[in-house]
Amino acid sequence: MHVILALPMLADNLQSLSDKVTLDSQILGESFYFFTVVAMWLIHVGFMSYEAGAARRKNVMSTAIKNILTIAVVTPTFLYFGWWIYGCMETGLIPQGPDSTQAGLQFCSTTYPWSANFGPNLNDHISAVFWGAFLLFSWTTGSILSGAIIERARVSAYLVLTVLLGSVVWILDAAWGWSAGGWLTTGFGFHDSIASSVVHGVAGAFTLGVLFQIGPRIGKFDAAGLARTFKPHNLHLTLMGLMLIFTGFYGFYAACLVITSTSFPGWLNIYLSPTTLGSIFFAITIGFAGGFTGGYFASKGDPFWTLSGGLAGVITVSAGADVYAPSLDYLLSIFGGGTAVFVGNFIERKMRVDDAVGAVAVHGYSGFLGIVMVGIFATGYPTGINNVPSSFGGQMMGLMTFLPLGFFGGYIPAWLLKKAGLLRVPLEVELEGLDIAEYGTDFYPEFSKPPEPIVLPSGEEVDAAPVLLEAYQQVQARNAP
């Protein structure tokens, strides 16, 4: 009798305990994503330092401020329509309705900017911080574009392009191939666990499209088409920026996982397939080591390409980071870091594209290489809640979708801006420097201004002034009616 009377109390206690465990799990998840976002801020501190150091002295502040303005324009646009694209366009370009489902969850309805899931909702511990993680991925795509086109793009044109990239193009490809319900995931088993192509590859392709339209900096190529080298004003700052980016990448990788603290194994990848935090720790750490190695030997010890090789190596193994063994991480990252050097040199010397920081090679090439490697080394691995096997064909379907989406996503709007005369600063402003034109001052007033050096194709370092003046006159003559 006493047992029967105690049953309701026992049930209440069990329910109370269950509620506490659930709340504890939700708060743990919320805290986890919050601190991944904090760590990812270092990526953007790094990009600002990286690009400012790579710029010539006369363009340092303009370059740095452009990175800050990326945050200013991508954040609201990602709130008002970028996140909706991710939630409601998984099946293609036609949006789903607010009652559509993703992986059995009513995800689309939670991504509208007026959704109750945004704001101080005491019953929702995940939507805001998960949105925040994706927001910082969006900033990253803009920063990839930013570095490549320094010293010649109008700030206004860059901001238009970075909104298109950060709040439309990349998040559309993420809806298709970086979500549990995306058509590439459910139909082809497409696997890009930590966004080799989804973030980096697509941003690199977008950047290449813009570079084709904006053209090289004045004096970058001589009359024979051979590449000259603009020396960075502070290579130490550039290398430090890369190291900050590398540190923030640990937060980036972690934010690509789904924490499930009350069920085995405790972690899922973005496709809701099981993985562990340890697997991506191996991938990122060994990926950097291998990438540094490949970049160092391929560039014969060049400091910039040694560190850039590290980034290329990590991006190469990102697509399969959740399934690769450490030794495979090492071999693939050496290959990715080393070949990125040759791709970067080919883009500059053969294609005559002036990519100021090698973004197309490091992010674009390595990003797409990453998904190809999954097709070779992880074929058959089950992806997503329906366990669709990954395949080389499925990975190629992703490449054939994302490459034109990224390239033409950048090429067409840049062409329109160019036709309107809004893409590039005037030639005189480029020669004088964007800092003087935009701010009317030199940001190193305590130091005398040394002559600007330039390295000729022969390797000889000379004063840039007569070289740039001659190149300026040649451009004016070509543009004369």
Protein backbone atom coordinates (compact mmCIF):
# COMPACT_ATOMS: atom_id res chain seq x y z
CA MET A 1 0.00 0.00 0.00
CA HIS A 2 2.77 2.41 0.95
CA VAL A 3 4.60 1.51 -2.25
CA ILE A 4 1.53 2.36 -4.31
CA LEU A 5 1.17 5.69 -2.56
CA ALA A 6 4.84 6.46 -3.12
CA LEU A 7 4.70 5.81 -6.87
CA PRO A 8 3.41 9.30 -7.84
CA MET A 9 6.10 10.91 -5.69
CA LEU A 10 8.75 8.69 -7.26
CA ALA A 11 7.51 9.57 -10.72
CA ASP A 12 7.68 13.26 -9.87
CA ASN A 13 11.23 12.87 -8.57
CA LEU A 14 12.28 11.01 -11.70
CA GLN A 15 10.72 13.68 -13.90
CA SER A 16 12.43 16.41 -11.86
CA LEU A 17 15.77 14.62 -12.22
CA SER A 18 15.21 14.17 -15.96
CA ASP A 19 14.38 17.86 -16.35
CA LYS A 20 17.54 18.83 -14.50
CA VAL A 21 19.70 16.56 -16.65
CA THR A 22 18.10 17.99 -19.79
CA LEU A 23 18.62 21.57 -18.65
CA ASP A 24 22.19 20.80 -17.67
CA SER A 25 22.81 19.37 -21.15
CA GLN A 26 21.23 22.39 -22.84
CA ILE A 27 23.30 24.84 -20.83
CA LEU A 28 26.44 22.84 -21.57
CA GLY A 29 25.65 23.05 -25.29
CA GLU A 30 24.94 26.76 -25.07
CA SER A 31 28.21 27.38 -23.23
CA PHE A 32 30.13 25.26 -25.72
CA TYR A 33 29.01 27.23 -28.77
CA PHE A 34 29.38 30.54 -26.94
CA PHE A 35 33.05 29.90 -26.31
CA THR A 36 33.69 28.56 -29.82
CA VAL A 37 32.42 31.91 -31.09
CA VAL A 38 34.76 33.73 -28.70
CA ALA A 39 37.69 31.65 -29.98
CA MET A 40 36.70 32.28 -33.60
CA TRP A 41 37.03 36.03 -33.08
CA LEU A 42 40.77 35.37 -33.16
CA ILE A 43 40.37 34.37 -36.80
CA HIS A 44 39.23 37.89 -37.62
CA VAL A 45 41.87 39.55 -35.48
CA GLY A 46 44.27 37.40 -37.47
CA PHE A 47 42.82 38.30 -40.86
CA MET A 48 43.05 42.00 -40.04
CA SER A 49 46.69 41.67 -38.94
CA TYR A 50 47.51 39.37 -41.84
CA GLU A 51 46.17 41.71 -44.48
CA ALA A 52 47.43 44.92 -42.86
CA GLY A 53 50.92 43.45 -42.70
CA ALA A 54 50.76 42.29 -46.33
CA ALA A 55 49.67 45.74 -47.54
CA ARG A 56 52.08 48.51 -48.41
CA ARG A 57 52.46 51.22 -45.81
CA LYS A 58 50.23 53.63 -47.71
CA ASN A 59 47.24 51.25 -47.50
CA VAL A 60 47.50 49.81 -43.98
CA MET A 61 44.59 51.53 -42.23
CA SER A 62 42.23 51.19 -45.19
CA THR A 63 42.95 47.47 -45.27
CA ALA A 64 42.39 47.06 -41.52
CA ILE A 65 39.15 49.05 -41.42
CA LYS A 66 37.76 47.03 -44.33
CA ASN A 67 37.96 43.92 -42.13
CA ILE A 68 36.05 45.63 -39.35
CA LEU A 69 33.37 46.82 -41.77
CA THR A 70 32.93 43.20 -42.88
CA ILE A 71 31.46 42.55 -39.45
CA ALA A 72 29.31 45.67 -39.71
CA VAL A 73 27.55 44.65 -42.93
CA VAL A 74 27.48 40.85 -42.82
CA THR A 75 26.03 40.62 -39.30
CA PRO A 76 22.67 42.32 -39.97
CA THR A 77 22.25 40.83 -43.45
CA PHE A 78 22.96 37.34 -42.11
CA LEU A 79 20.34 37.93 -39.41
CA TYR A 80 17.65 39.19 -41.78
CA PHE A 81 18.05 36.77 -44.68
CA GLY A 82 21.25 34.70 -44.53
CA TRP A 83 20.10 32.32 -41.79
CA TRP A 84 16.70 31.97 -43.47
CA ILE A 85 18.47 30.83 -46.65
CA TYR A 86 20.24 28.11 -44.68
CA GLY A 87 17.08 26.90 -42.99
CA CYS A 88 14.63 27.10 -45.87
CA MET A 89 16.53 26.43 -49.11
CA GLU A 90 17.93 22.96 -48.50
CA THR A 91 16.14 21.45 -51.49
CA GLY A 92 17.19 24.07 -54.05
CA LEU A 93 16.64 27.68 -55.04
CA ILE A 94 12.92 27.57 -54.25
CA PRO A 95 12.43 28.26 -50.52
CA GLN A 96 10.51 25.85 -48.36
CA GLY A 97 7.59 27.03 -46.26
CA PRO A 98 7.80 27.80 -42.56
CA ASP A 99 6.37 24.38 -41.69
CA SER A 100 9.01 22.46 -43.64
CA THR A 101 11.28 20.09 -41.78
CA GLN A 102 15.00 19.42 -41.69
CA ALA A 103 16.10 16.05 -40.36
CA GLY A 104 12.70 15.70 -38.66
CA LEU A 105 12.96 19.07 -36.92
CA GLN A 106 11.02 22.23 -37.76
CA PHE A 107 14.23 24.07 -38.47
CA CYS A 108 13.06 26.32 -41.27
CA SER A 109 10.45 27.98 -39.08
CA THR A 110 13.14 28.88 -36.51
CA THR A 111 15.35 30.77 -38.98
CA TYR A 112 13.05 33.69 -39.78
CA PRO A 113 14.39 36.92 -38.23
CA TRP A 114 11.12 37.38 -36.34
CA SER A 115 11.20 33.83 -34.96
CA ALA A 116 10.73 33.40 -31.23
CA ASN A 117 14.02 31.49 -31.22
CA PHE A 118 15.91 34.75 -31.52
CA GLY A 119 16.26 37.16 -28.64
CA PRO A 120 16.04 36.47 -24.90
CA ASN A 121 14.06 33.23 -25.15
CA LEU A 122 14.39 31.44 -21.79
CA ASN A 123 13.25 28.15 -23.32
CA ASP A 124 15.83 28.08 -26.12
CA HIS A 125 19.49 27.53 -25.27
CA ILE A 126 20.81 26.74 -28.74
CA SER A 127 19.39 28.84 -31.61
CA ALA A 128 21.19 32.09 -30.85
CA VAL A 129 24.64 30.64 -30.21
CA PHE A 130 24.39 28.22 -33.15
CA TRP A 131 23.44 31.17 -35.36
CA GLY A 132 26.45 32.99 -33.91
CA ALA A 133 28.81 30.21 -34.96
CA PHE A 134 27.50 30.33 -38.53
CA LEU A 135 27.74 34.11 -38.49
CA LEU A 136 31.47 33.91 -37.82
CA PHE A 137 31.83 31.42 -40.66
CA SER A 138 30.23 34.12 -42.82
CA TRP A 139 32.75 36.72 -41.68
CA THR A 140 35.49 34.27 -42.64
CA THR A 141 34.29 34.05 -46.24
CA GLY A 142 34.34 37.85 -46.47
CA SER A 143 37.85 38.01 -45.05
CA ILE A 144 39.08 35.53 -47.66
CA LEU A 145 37.86 37.90 -50.38
CA SER A 146 39.15 40.96 -48.54
CA GLY A 147 42.82 39.97 -48.54
CA ALA A 148 42.98 39.04 -52.21
CA ILE A 149 41.78 42.42 -53.52
CA ILE A 150 43.60 44.79 -51.16
CA GLU A 151 45.04 48.14 -52.33
CA ARG A 152 42.70 48.68 -55.29
CA ALA A 153 39.05 47.94 -54.43
CA ARG A 154 36.59 50.61 -53.40
CA VAL A 155 35.39 50.01 -49.86
CA SER A 156 31.77 50.36 -50.98
CA ALA A 157 32.24 47.75 -53.72
CA TYR A 158 33.91 45.37 -51.31
CA LEU A 159 31.05 45.70 -48.83
CA VAL A 160 28.46 44.89 -51.51
CA LEU A 161 30.47 41.84 -52.58
CA THR A 162 31.08 40.61 -49.05
CA VAL A 163 27.35 40.79 -48.27
CA LEU A 164 26.63 38.69 -51.35
CA LEU A 165 29.31 36.17 -50.41
CA GLY A 166 28.78 36.11 -46.65
CA SER A 167 24.98 36.25 -46.52
CA VAL A 168 23.90 34.64 -49.80
CA VAL A 169 26.38 32.55 -51.79
CA TRP A 170 28.20 30.51 -49.17
CA ILE A 171 25.18 29.97 -46.95
CA LEU A 172 23.22 28.73 -49.97
CA ASP A 173 25.84 26.08 -50.66
CA ALA A 174 25.83 25.24 -46.95
CA ALA A 175 22.06 24.64 -47.13
CA TRP A 176 22.62 22.26 -50.03
CA GLY A 177 25.66 20.33 -48.83
CA TRP A 178 26.42 21.22 -45.22
CA SER A 179 23.21 20.31 -43.48
CA ALA A 180 21.47 17.05 -42.63
CA GLY A 181 18.61 17.83 -45.02
CA GLY A 182 20.50 19.33 -47.97
CA TRP A 183 19.84 17.79 -51.36
CA LEU A 184 23.51 16.95 -51.88
CA THR A 185 23.61 15.24 -48.49
CA THR A 186 20.42 13.22 -48.79
CA GLY A 187 20.76 12.47 -52.49
CA PHE A 188 24.49 11.92 -52.95
CA GLY A 189 26.01 11.40 -49.51
CA PHE A 190 28.11 14.52 -50.01
CA HIS A 191 30.62 14.79 -47.17
CA ASP A 192 32.46 17.98 -46.21
CA SER A 193 32.59 17.69 -42.45
CA ILE A 194 34.53 20.83 -41.50
CA ALA A 195 33.76 22.89 -44.60
CA SER A 196 36.73 22.46 -46.93
CA SER A 197 34.70 23.51 -49.94
CA VAL A 198 31.57 24.87 -48.31
CA VAL A 199 33.40 27.80 -46.70
CA HIS A 200 36.90 27.93 -48.17
CA GLY A 201 36.46 26.52 -51.66
CA VAL A 202 33.40 28.56 -52.51
CA ALA A 203 34.94 31.75 -51.07
CA GLY A 204 38.08 31.11 -53.11
CA ALA A 205 36.07 30.61 -56.31
CA PHE A 206 34.05 33.77 -55.59
CA THR A 207 37.31 35.65 -55.05
CA LEU A 208 38.74 34.42 -58.36
CA GLY A 209 35.68 35.72 -60.17
CA VAL A 210 36.14 39.15 -58.58
CA LEU A 211 39.89 39.17 -59.35
CA PHE A 212 39.20 38.58 -63.03
CA GLN A 213 37.15 41.76 -63.06
CA ILE A 214 39.13 44.04 -60.77
CA GLY A 215 42.46 43.35 -62.44
CA PRO A 216 46.01 43.63 -61.06
CA ARG A 217 47.45 46.48 -59.05
CA ILE A 218 49.29 49.13 -61.05
CA GLY A 219 52.79 47.87 -61.82
CA LYS A 220 52.19 44.27 -60.75
CA PHE A 221 53.14 42.94 -64.20
CA ASP A 222 55.73 44.32 -66.61
CA ALA A 223 55.27 44.80 -70.34
CA ALA A 224 56.17 41.14 -70.96
CA GLY A 225 53.59 39.96 -68.45
CA LEU A 226 56.17 38.92 -65.85
CA ALA A 227 55.17 39.39 -62.23
CA ARG A 228 56.78 41.96 -59.98
CA THR A 229 56.51 41.62 -56.19
CA PHE A 230 55.17 44.28 -53.83
CA LYS A 231 56.95 43.81 -50.54
CA PRO A 232 54.67 43.70 -47.49
CA HIS A 233 55.27 46.60 -45.16
CA ASN A 234 55.41 44.28 -42.12
CA LEU A 235 55.84 40.57 -42.78
CA HIS A 236 56.11 39.88 -39.04
CA LEU A 237 52.59 41.24 -38.59
CA THR A 238 51.37 39.06 -41.44
CA LEU A 239 52.88 35.93 -39.92
CA MET A 240 51.45 36.79 -36.51
CA GLY A 241 48.05 37.23 -38.14
CA LEU A 242 48.29 33.77 -39.64
CA MET A 243 49.14 32.29 -36.23
CA LEU A 244 46.07 33.99 -34.74
CA ILE A 245 43.96 32.53 -37.54
CA PHE A 246 45.39 29.10 -36.74
CA THR A 247 44.49 29.50 -33.06
CA GLY A 248 40.94 30.52 -33.93
CA PHE A 249 40.62 27.48 -36.16
CA TYR A 250 40.30 25.26 -33.09
CA GLY A 251 37.11 27.16 -32.29
CA PHE A 252 36.04 26.92 -35.95
CA TYR A 253 36.45 23.15 -36.01
CA ALA A 254 34.68 22.69 -32.69
CA ALA A 255 31.74 24.84 -33.80
CA CYS A 256 31.20 22.50 -36.75
CA LEU A 257 30.12 19.71 -34.39
CA VAL A 258 26.81 19.10 -32.63
CA ILE A 259 27.09 18.37 -28.91
CA THR A 260 24.78 15.63 -27.56
CA SER A 261 25.92 15.25 -23.96
CA THR A 262 23.17 12.85 -22.87
CA SER A 263 23.51 10.29 -25.66
CA PHE A 264 26.35 8.22 -27.09
CA PRO A 265 28.88 9.17 -28.43
CA GLY A 266 28.25 12.72 -27.25
CA TRP A 267 29.16 14.40 -30.56
CA LEU A 268 27.74 14.50 -34.08
CA ASN A 269 29.08 16.14 -37.20
CA ILE A 270 27.06 18.70 -39.15
CA TYR A 271 25.26 15.84 -40.93
CA LEU A 272 24.25 14.33 -37.56
CA SER A 273 26.59 11.37 -38.00
CA PRO A 274 28.59 10.29 -34.93
CA THR A 275 32.13 11.58 -34.37
CA THR A 276 34.32 12.84 -31.54
CA LEU A 277 35.96 16.11 -30.62
CA GLY A 278 39.25 14.24 -30.47
CA SER A 279 39.06 13.30 -34.15
CA ILE A 280 39.01 16.90 -35.27
CA PHE A 281 41.75 17.81 -32.77
CA PHE A 282 44.01 15.27 -34.48
CA ALA A 283 43.06 16.62 -37.91
CA ILE A 284 43.68 20.28 -37.19
CA THR A 285 46.92 19.84 -35.23
CA ILE A 286 48.49 17.27 -37.54
CA GLY A 287 47.08 19.17 -40.53
CA PHE A 288 49.00 22.28 -39.54
CA ALA A 289 52.19 20.27 -38.99
CA GLY A 290 51.90 18.61 -42.39
CA GLY A 291 50.92 21.82 -44.13
CA PHE A 292 53.90 23.69 -42.69
CA THR A 293 56.15 20.88 -43.87
CA GLY A 294 54.75 20.84 -47.40
CA GLY A 295 54.75 24.63 -47.67
CA TYR A 296 58.30 24.92 -46.37
CA PHE A 297 59.82 22.48 -48.83
CA ALA A 298 57.72 23.52 -51.82
CA SER A 299 58.59 27.21 -51.34
CA LYS A 300 62.22 26.52 -50.36
CA GLY A 301 61.71 28.06 -46.95
CA ASP A 302 59.75 31.17 -47.89
CA PRO A 303 58.23 32.44 -44.61
CA PHE A 304 54.91 33.52 -46.11
CA TRP A 305 54.29 30.31 -48.00
CA THR A 306 55.48 28.14 -45.13
CA LEU A 307 52.72 29.48 -42.90
CA SER A 308 50.20 29.69 -45.72
CA GLY A 309 51.01 26.05 -46.47
CA GLY A 310 49.91 25.23 -42.93
CA LEU A 311 46.54 26.81 -43.59
CA ALA A 312 46.24 25.03 -46.94
CA GLY A 313 47.09 21.72 -45.26
CA VAL A 314 44.37 22.08 -42.65
CA ILE A 315 41.79 23.07 -45.25
CA THR A 316 42.74 20.01 -47.31
CA VAL A 317 41.93 17.60 -44.46
CA SER A 318 38.90 19.51 -43.16
CA ALA A 319 36.36 17.70 -45.34
CA GLY A 320 37.25 14.32 -43.86
CA ALA A 321 38.44 15.48 -40.45
CA ASP A 322 35.83 13.40 -38.64
CA VAL A 323 36.90 10.11 -40.24
CA TYR A 324 40.58 10.36 -41.24
CA ALA A 325 43.26 8.52 -39.30
CA PRO A 326 46.10 10.78 -38.06
CA SER A 327 48.65 9.39 -40.52
CA LEU A 328 46.31 10.12 -43.42
CA ASP A 329 45.82 13.66 -42.06
CA TYR A 330 49.57 14.10 -42.12
CA LEU A 331 50.12 12.82 -45.66
CA LEU A 332 47.20 14.73 -47.17
CA SER A 333 48.12 17.98 -45.43
CA ILE A 334 51.72 17.75 -46.67
CA PHE A 335 50.38 17.27 -50.18
CA GLY A 336 47.83 20.09 -49.84
CA GLY A 337 50.29 22.56 -48.30
CA GLY A 338 52.98 21.81 -50.86
CA THR A 339 50.82 21.89 -53.97
CA ALA A 340 49.12 25.14 -52.85
CA VAL A 341 52.48 26.87 -53.32
CA PHE A 342 52.70 25.74 -56.94
CA VAL A 343 49.06 26.63 -57.59
CA GLY A 344 49.62 30.11 -56.12
CA ASN A 345 52.66 30.65 -58.34
CA PHE A 346 50.74 29.38 -61.38
CA ILE A 347 47.85 31.76 -60.72
CA GLU A 348 50.23 34.71 -60.45
CA ARG A 349 52.82 33.91 -63.13
CA LYS A 350 50.83 32.03 -65.75
CA MET A 351 47.27 33.26 -65.32
CA ARG A 352 48.56 36.77 -64.40
CA VAL A 353 46.00 37.16 -61.64
CA ASP A 354 47.04 39.52 -58.85
CA ASP A 355 45.90 37.71 -55.71
CA ALA A 356 47.65 39.75 -53.02
CA VAL A 357 47.61 37.03 -50.33
CA GLY A 358 47.31 33.80 -52.30
CA ALA A 359 43.70 33.32 -51.17
CA VAL A 360 42.55 31.48 -54.30
CA ALA A 361 45.28 28.87 -53.92
CA VAL A 362 45.17 28.49 -50.13
CA HIS A 363 41.39 28.56 -49.71
CA GLY A 364 39.90 27.85 -53.13
CA TYR A 365 42.22 25.15 -54.46
CA SER A 366 42.76 23.46 -51.10
CA GLY A 367 39.04 23.62 -50.30
CA PHE A 368 38.02 21.76 -53.42
CA LEU A 369 40.98 19.40 -53.11
CA GLY A 370 39.60 18.49 -49.69
CA ILE A 371 36.30 17.13 -50.99
CA VAL A 372 38.08 15.26 -53.80
CA MET A 373 40.26 13.54 -51.18
CA VAL A 374 37.13 12.39 -49.32
CA GLY A 375 35.89 10.86 -52.56
CA ILE A 376 39.17 8.93 -52.87
CA PHE A 377 39.88 7.95 -49.26
CA ALA A 378 36.46 7.82 -47.56
CA THR A 379 34.22 6.30 -50.22
CA GLY A 380 31.48 4.27 -48.60
CA TYR A 381 31.47 6.14 -45.32
CA PRO A 382 27.82 6.63 -44.28
CA THR A 383 26.79 10.27 -44.16
CA GLY A 384 23.74 11.80 -42.53
CA ILE A 385 20.75 10.40 -40.68
CA ASN A 386 19.86 8.19 -43.66
CA ASN A 387 23.41 6.77 -43.81
CA VAL A 388 23.84 7.59 -47.49
CA PRO A 389 27.30 6.29 -48.48
CA SER A 390 29.80 8.87 -49.63
CA SER A 391 31.29 8.35 -53.08
CA PHE A 392 33.66 9.90 -55.55
CA GLY A 393 30.71 10.72 -57.79
CA GLY A 394 28.85 12.40 -54.96
CA GLN A 395 31.88 14.53 -54.12
CA MET A 396 32.22 15.51 -57.79
CA MET A 397 28.57 16.52 -57.78
CA GLY A 398 29.37 18.88 -54.93
CA LEU A 399 32.39 20.26 -56.76
CA MET A 400 30.41 20.82 -59.97
CA THR A 401 27.73 22.63 -57.96
CA PHE A 402 29.89 24.79 -55.71
CA LEU A 403 32.61 25.82 -58.16
CA PRO A 404 30.30 27.64 -60.62
CA LEU A 405 28.11 28.92 -57.78
CA GLY A 406 31.13 30.56 -56.17
CA PHE A 407 32.88 31.76 -59.34
CA PHE A 408 29.89 33.28 -61.09
CA GLY A 409 28.55 34.52 -57.75
CA GLY A 410 31.60 36.78 -57.64
CA TYR A 411 32.24 37.36 -61.35
CA ILE A 412 28.79 38.69 -62.31
CA PRO A 413 28.28 41.29 -59.54
CA ALA A 414 31.92 42.42 -59.90
CA TRP A 415 31.32 42.86 -63.64
CA LEU A 416 28.25 44.96 -62.92
CA LEU A 417 30.14 47.11 -60.43
CA LYS A 418 32.97 47.51 -62.93
CA LYS A 419 30.58 48.59 -65.69
CA ALA A 420 29.14 51.18 -63.30
CA GLY A 421 32.63 52.46 -62.48
CA LEU A 422 32.22 51.47 -58.82
CA LEU A 423 34.56 48.51 -58.43
CA ARG A 424 38.02 50.05 -58.32
CA VAL A 425 39.52 53.23 -56.90
CA PRO A 426 40.84 55.82 -59.39
CA LEU A 427 44.38 55.22 -60.62
CA GLU A 428 45.66 58.36 -58.90
CA VAL A 429 44.25 57.21 -55.55
CA GLU A 430 45.88 53.81 -55.95
CA LEU A 431 49.26 55.41 -56.61
CA GLU A 432 48.97 57.87 -53.74
CA GLY A 433 47.62 55.27 -51.33
CA LEU A 434 44.15 54.64 -49.98
CA ASP A 435 44.98 55.92 -46.50
CA ILE A 436 45.75 59.44 -47.72
CA ALA A 437 42.67 59.47 -49.96
CA GLU A 438 40.29 58.15 -47.29
CA TYR A 439 41.75 59.58 -44.09
CA GLY A 440 44.05 62.38 -45.21
CA THR A 441 46.95 61.25 -43.05
CA ASP A 442 49.87 58.89 -42.72
CA PHE A 443 49.35 56.47 -39.83
CA TYR A 444 53.07 56.28 -39.07
CA PRO A 445 53.73 59.97 -38.32
CA GLU A 446 56.60 59.25 -35.93
CA PHE A 447 58.62 57.54 -38.66
CA SER A 448 60.07 59.10 -41.79
CA LYS A 449 58.57 57.67 -44.95
CA PRO A 450 61.12 55.41 -46.68
CA PRO A 451 61.10 54.78 -50.44
CA GLU A 452 58.63 52.08 -51.46
CA PRO A 453 60.52 49.02 -52.79
CA ILE A 454 59.43 46.67 -55.55
CA VAL A 455 61.06 43.42 -56.63
CA LEU A 456 61.49 42.95 -60.35
CA PRO A 457 60.98 39.55 -62.07
CA SER A 458 64.78 39.19 -62.10
CA GLY A 459 64.84 39.37 -58.30
CA GLU A 460 66.39 42.83 -58.19
CA GLU A 461 64.87 45.20 -55.61
CA VAL A 462 64.46 48.80 -56.82
CA ASP A 463 62.61 51.98 -55.90
CA ALA A 464 58.97 51.51 -56.87
CA ALA A 465 58.24 55.16 -57.77
CA PRO A 466 59.55 55.23 -61.38
CA VAL A 467 58.23 51.71 -62.06
CA LEU A 468 54.73 52.59 -60.84
CA LEU A 469 54.72 55.93 -62.68
CA GLU A 470 55.60 54.22 -65.95
CA ALA A 471 52.92 51.58 -65.37
CA TYR A 472 50.40 54.32 -64.56
CA GLN A 473 51.15 56.10 -67.83
CA GLN A 474 50.77 52.84 -69.76
CA VAL A 475 47.36 52.18 -68.19
CA GLN A 476 46.25 55.73 -68.98
CA ALA A 477 47.34 55.31 -72.62
CA ARG A 478 45.38 52.04 -72.91
CA ASN A 479 42.28 53.65 -71.42
CA ALA A 480 42.47 56.77 -73.59
CA PRO A 481 39.59 57.11 -76.09
